[in-house]
Amino acid sequence: MSTGGYESPWMNESLRHFRSSVREFIEKEFVPRQTRWRQQGFPDLEAWTLAGEAGILLPDFPKEYGGGGN
C-alpha cells in the first residue's frame, strides 16, 4: 500500500502491516467517538484500553509487561 509520497528506507512489509492495522483500528474505534470526545475535551479512558488490547501502545514491549508483544 503506497500513499504516493516519500517512503522512508526503513519501511518494510511488517511496518506497512502495522500501519494498516492502526488505521483500521482508528477508523473503527476512534472516528465514531471523536465528536463526543471533542465536546468533553478528552477521550474516554476506554480508548486507551482498546488501543492497548489491539497492540498499538508499546508494541515492542512483551505482553506480560503490558505491551503488544510484537
Protein backbone atom coordinates (compact mmCIF):
# COMPACT_ATOMS: atom_id res chain seq x y z
CA MET A 1 0.00 0.00 0.00
CA SER A 2 1.65 3.17 -1.12
CA THR A 3 0.49 6.65 -0.20
CA GLY A 4 2.19 8.06 -3.27
CA GLY A 5 4.63 10.19 -1.29
CA TYR A 6 8.00 9.70 0.28
CA GLU A 7 8.59 6.37 2.00
CA SER A 8 11.44 6.02 4.45
CA PRO A 9 14.11 3.43 3.59
CA TRP A 10 13.48 1.65 6.91
CA MET A 11 9.85 0.94 5.96
CA ASN A 12 9.25 -2.76 5.41
CA GLU A 13 6.27 -5.09 4.97
CA SER A 14 5.89 -5.62 8.72
CA LEU A 15 5.67 -1.87 9.37
CA ARG A 16 3.26 -1.43 6.47
CA HIS A 17 1.02 -4.08 8.01
CA PHE A 18 1.22 -2.39 11.44
CA ARG A 19 0.39 0.99 9.88
CA SER A 20 -2.60 -0.52 8.09
CA SER A 21 -3.80 -2.18 11.31
CA VAL A 22 -3.54 1.11 13.21
CA ARG A 23 -5.51 2.92 10.51
CA GLU A 24 -8.26 0.31 10.59
CA PHE A 25 -8.42 0.47 14.37
CA ILE A 26 -8.64 4.27 14.41
CA GLU A 27 -11.38 4.27 11.78
CA LYS A 28 -13.39 1.62 13.63
CA GLU A 29 -12.90 2.62 17.27
CA PHE A 30 -11.92 6.29 17.43
CA VAL A 31 -13.53 8.10 14.50
CA PRO A 32 -17.13 7.28 15.58
CA ARG A 33 -16.40 8.72 19.05
CA GLN A 34 -14.47 11.84 18.09
CA THR A 35 -17.42 14.27 18.27
CA ARG A 36 -18.21 13.27 21.85
CA TRP A 37 -14.55 13.34 22.82
CA ARG A 38 -14.16 16.85 21.43
CA GLN A 39 -17.23 18.00 23.34
CA GLN A 40 -15.95 16.56 26.62
CA GLY A 41 -12.38 17.72 25.92
CA PHE A 42 -10.70 14.31 26.21
CA PRO A 43 -11.05 10.72 25.03
CA ASP A 44 -12.69 8.12 27.24
CA LEU A 45 -10.29 6.02 29.30
CA GLU A 46 -11.64 3.00 27.44
CA ALA A 47 -9.92 4.30 24.30
CA TRP A 48 -6.50 3.60 25.81
CA THR A 49 -7.56 0.14 26.94
CA LEU A 50 -8.83 -0.69 23.47
CA ALA A 51 -5.64 0.61 21.86
CA GLY A 52 -3.53 -1.43 24.26
CA GLU A 53 -5.54 -4.58 23.60
CA ALA A 54 -5.10 -4.01 19.87
CA GLY A 55 -1.31 -3.92 20.35
CA ILE A 56 -0.98 -0.30 19.27
CA LEU A 57 0.50 1.01 22.52
CA LEU A 58 4.04 -0.13 23.36
CA PRO A 59 4.12 -2.65 20.51
CA ASP A 60 7.72 -3.67 21.24
CA PHE A 61 7.14 -4.44 24.94
CA PRO A 62 6.35 -8.03 25.97
CA LYS A 63 2.68 -8.75 26.71
CA GLU A 64 3.48 -9.69 30.31
CA TYR A 65 4.59 -6.07 30.85
CA GLY A 66 1.52 -4.57 29.17
CA GLY A 67 2.89 -4.19 25.66
CA GLY A 68 1.80 -5.55 22.34
CA GLY A 69 4.35 -8.35 22.27
CA ASN A 70 5.37 -7.77 18.65
